[in-house]
Amino acid sequence: MSRALVVFALFLALILLLKPTAAASRAPGWMGIVVADLTPDQCRTFGVKRGVEVVDVEPGGPADRKDIEEGDLIVRYEDQPVRSAAWLMGRIRRDGEGFLASVHVQRDGVEHWAGLVSLAAAPPPPPSPADLLTRIDVLERDVDALAKRVADLEELSASAK
């Protein structure tokens, strides 16, 4: 093999190694659900080995658009049994925005395929209480400064008459 061909092959391998993967370039995924682990008693009651219960669905979110409802059990995600709420939410975040996730749910004792759920970008987390206090302090200073300017302008206007 020629030296140029070896250098070219190494160059291509380096490009492929450094190229970001599609998942790495996507925003974290979000399905618009809140889920809770099933207890062993719930698993027996529902007749499943594993799964999570959907306790809340964001109206208009990806899961809602696929008719996933509060009370449904998510039993398989991407043809893998759902181990726990933490496992499922981690997979959703990792798979990222735009990923088409195959989801199986159980409703009223019957398992069915919900379809391919198109994951959305995860919304930003809400501000912390400390962030909110800082924002309020800034707003209060801005309001005080604005009130002082208004008072100065009223005084200037009154003296000009």
Protein backbone atom coordinates (compact mmCIF):
# COMPACT_ATOMS: atom_id res chain seq x y z
CA MET A 1 0.00 0.00 0.00
CA SER A 2 1.37 3.40 -0.87
CA ARG A 3 2.31 5.87 1.80
CA ALA A 4 -0.19 8.42 0.43
CA LEU A 5 -3.01 5.90 0.73
CA VAL A 6 -2.10 5.13 4.36
CA VAL A 7 -2.01 8.84 5.20
CA PHE A 8 -5.37 9.34 3.49
CA ALA A 9 -6.92 6.41 5.41
CA LEU A 10 -5.62 7.81 8.72
CA PHE A 11 -6.96 11.23 7.80
CA LEU A 12 -10.43 9.78 7.11
CA ALA A 13 -10.37 7.81 10.38
CA LEU A 14 -9.46 10.97 12.28
CA ILE A 15 -12.31 12.91 10.67
CA LEU A 16 -14.80 10.17 11.56
CA LEU A 17 -13.58 10.08 15.17
CA LEU A 18 -13.78 13.85 15.60
CA LYS A 19 -17.10 14.28 13.83
CA PRO A 20 -19.84 14.95 16.40
CA THR A 21 -22.56 12.35 16.44
CA ALA A 22 -26.11 13.35 15.60
CA ALA A 23 -27.22 12.72 19.19
CA ALA A 24 -24.40 14.87 20.59
CA SER A 25 -25.45 17.81 18.41
CA ARG A 26 -29.11 17.68 19.42
CA ALA A 27 -30.78 19.37 22.35
CA PRO A 28 -31.79 17.02 25.18
CA GLY A 29 -35.04 15.22 24.44
CA TRP A 30 -38.39 15.80 26.09
CA MET A 31 -41.60 13.80 25.75
CA GLY A 32 -43.85 15.99 27.88
CA ILE A 33 -44.58 13.42 30.56
CA VAL A 34 -44.03 12.90 34.25
CA VAL A 35 -43.68 9.25 35.21
CA ALA A 36 -43.43 7.27 38.45
CA ASP A 37 -41.99 3.85 39.16
CA LEU A 38 -44.45 1.03 39.72
CA THR A 39 -44.32 -0.73 43.06
CA PRO A 40 -44.15 -4.55 43.07
CA ASP A 41 -47.81 -4.61 44.13
CA GLN A 42 -48.77 -2.37 41.20
CA CYS A 43 -46.82 -4.61 38.80
CA ARG A 44 -48.80 -7.62 40.03
CA THR A 45 -52.09 -5.71 39.80
CA PHE A 46 -51.39 -4.53 36.25
CA GLY A 47 -49.88 -7.86 35.18
CA VAL A 48 -46.53 -6.43 34.10
CA LYS A 49 -42.97 -7.26 35.09
CA ARG A 50 -41.76 -3.67 34.77
CA GLY A 51 -42.87 -0.27 33.63
CA VAL A 52 -43.69 3.22 34.76
CA GLU A 53 -47.00 4.98 35.24
CA VAL A 54 -47.67 8.25 33.44
CA VAL A 55 -48.78 10.66 36.18
CA ASP A 56 -48.93 13.84 34.08
CA VAL A 57 -48.99 14.71 30.37
CA GLU A 58 -48.12 18.16 29.05
CA PRO A 59 -51.00 19.36 26.86
CA GLY A 60 -49.83 19.65 23.25
CA GLY A 61 -46.52 17.91 24.06
CA PRO A 62 -45.08 14.98 22.10
CA ALA A 63 -46.78 12.30 24.24
CA ASP A 64 -50.12 14.11 24.15
CA ARG A 65 -49.96 14.25 20.34
CA LYS A 66 -49.66 10.43 20.37
CA ASP A 67 -52.63 10.08 22.75
CA ILE A 68 -50.54 8.91 25.70
CA GLU A 69 -52.69 9.63 28.75
CA GLU A 70 -52.35 10.01 32.48
CA GLY A 71 -52.65 6.53 34.01
CA ASP A 72 -51.07 4.74 31.03
CA LEU A 73 -48.16 2.43 31.75
CA ILE A 74 -45.10 2.80 29.55
CA VAL A 75 -43.76 -0.72 29.33
CA ARG A 76 -41.34 -0.54 26.37
CA TYR A 77 -39.23 2.22 24.89
CA GLU A 78 -37.31 1.51 21.70
CA ASP A 79 -38.20 -2.18 22.11
CA GLN A 80 -36.49 -2.35 25.50
CA PRO A 81 -38.40 -2.99 28.73
CA VAL A 82 -38.71 0.18 30.79
CA ARG A 83 -36.69 -0.47 33.93
CA SER A 84 -37.51 2.65 35.93
CA ALA A 85 -38.63 6.25 35.67
CA ALA A 86 -35.01 7.43 35.92
CA TRP A 87 -33.94 5.04 33.14
CA LEU A 88 -36.75 6.19 30.83
CA MET A 89 -36.21 9.90 31.41
CA GLY A 90 -32.45 9.47 30.93
CA ARG A 91 -33.01 7.69 27.61
CA ILE A 92 -35.41 10.39 26.43
CA ARG A 93 -32.94 13.17 27.31
CA ARG A 94 -30.05 11.29 25.71
CA ASP A 95 -31.91 10.45 22.51
CA GLY A 96 -32.49 14.14 21.97
CA GLU A 97 -34.72 16.51 20.09
CA GLY A 98 -36.11 15.11 16.85
CA PHE A 99 -35.55 11.46 17.77
CA LEU A 100 -38.45 9.21 16.80
CA ALA A 101 -38.97 6.97 19.82
CA SER A 102 -40.98 3.75 19.57
CA VAL A 103 -43.21 3.62 22.65
CA HIS A 104 -45.43 0.77 23.91
CA VAL A 105 -48.06 1.56 26.52
CA GLN A 106 -50.54 -0.50 28.46
CA ARG A 107 -54.01 0.93 28.99
CA ASP A 108 -56.90 -0.93 30.56
CA GLY A 109 -54.84 -4.12 30.66
CA VAL A 110 -54.05 -4.08 26.93
CA GLU A 111 -50.59 -3.33 25.59
CA HIS A 112 -50.40 -1.43 22.32
CA TRP A 113 -47.86 0.50 20.29
CA ALA A 114 -48.37 4.24 20.74
CA GLY A 115 -46.31 4.87 17.64
CA LEU A 116 -43.19 6.86 17.00
CA VAL A 117 -43.11 9.80 19.38
CA SER A 118 -41.10 12.71 17.98
CA LEU A 119 -39.13 14.02 20.95
CA ALA A 120 -39.01 17.78 21.40
CA ALA A 121 -36.24 19.90 22.89
CA ALA A 122 -36.28 19.84 26.67
CA PRO A 123 -37.56 23.14 28.07
CA PRO A 124 -35.11 25.12 30.17
CA PRO A 125 -35.29 24.42 33.89
CA PRO A 126 -37.21 26.95 35.98
CA PRO A 127 -35.11 29.59 37.71
CA SER A 128 -33.90 28.79 41.20
CA PRO A 129 -35.24 30.75 44.18
CA ALA A 130 -31.88 32.56 44.40
CA ASP A 131 -32.16 33.57 40.72
CA LEU A 132 -35.68 34.86 41.31
CA LEU A 133 -34.55 36.96 44.29
CA THR A 134 -31.70 38.41 42.22
CA ARG A 135 -34.11 39.30 39.41
CA ILE A 136 -36.51 40.94 41.88
CA ASP A 137 -33.65 43.00 43.39
CA VAL A 138 -32.64 44.21 39.91
CA LEU A 139 -36.25 45.11 39.08
CA GLU A 140 -36.65 46.99 42.36
CA ARG A 141 -33.47 49.03 41.64
CA ASP A 142 -34.70 49.75 38.10
CA VAL A 143 -38.12 50.88 39.39
CA ASP A 144 -36.48 53.12 42.03
CA ALA A 145 -34.21 54.68 39.38
CA LEU A 146 -37.15 55.20 37.03
CA ALA A 147 -39.25 56.76 39.81
CA LYS A 148 -36.39 59.17 40.58
CA ARG A 149 -36.13 60.15 36.89
CA VAL A 150 -39.89 60.75 36.69
CA ALA A 151 -39.75 62.92 39.85
CA ASP A 152 -36.79 64.88 38.42
CA LEU A 153 -38.63 65.43 35.12
CA GLU A 154 -41.80 66.55 36.94
CA GLU A 155 -39.73 68.99 39.02
CA LEU A 156 -37.98 70.30 35.89
CA SER A 157 -41.31 70.67 34.11
CA ALA A 158 -42.84 72.49 37.09
CA SER A 159 -39.90 74.93 37.36
CA ALA A 160 -40.05 75.68 33.61
CA LYS A 161 -43.63 77.00 33.94
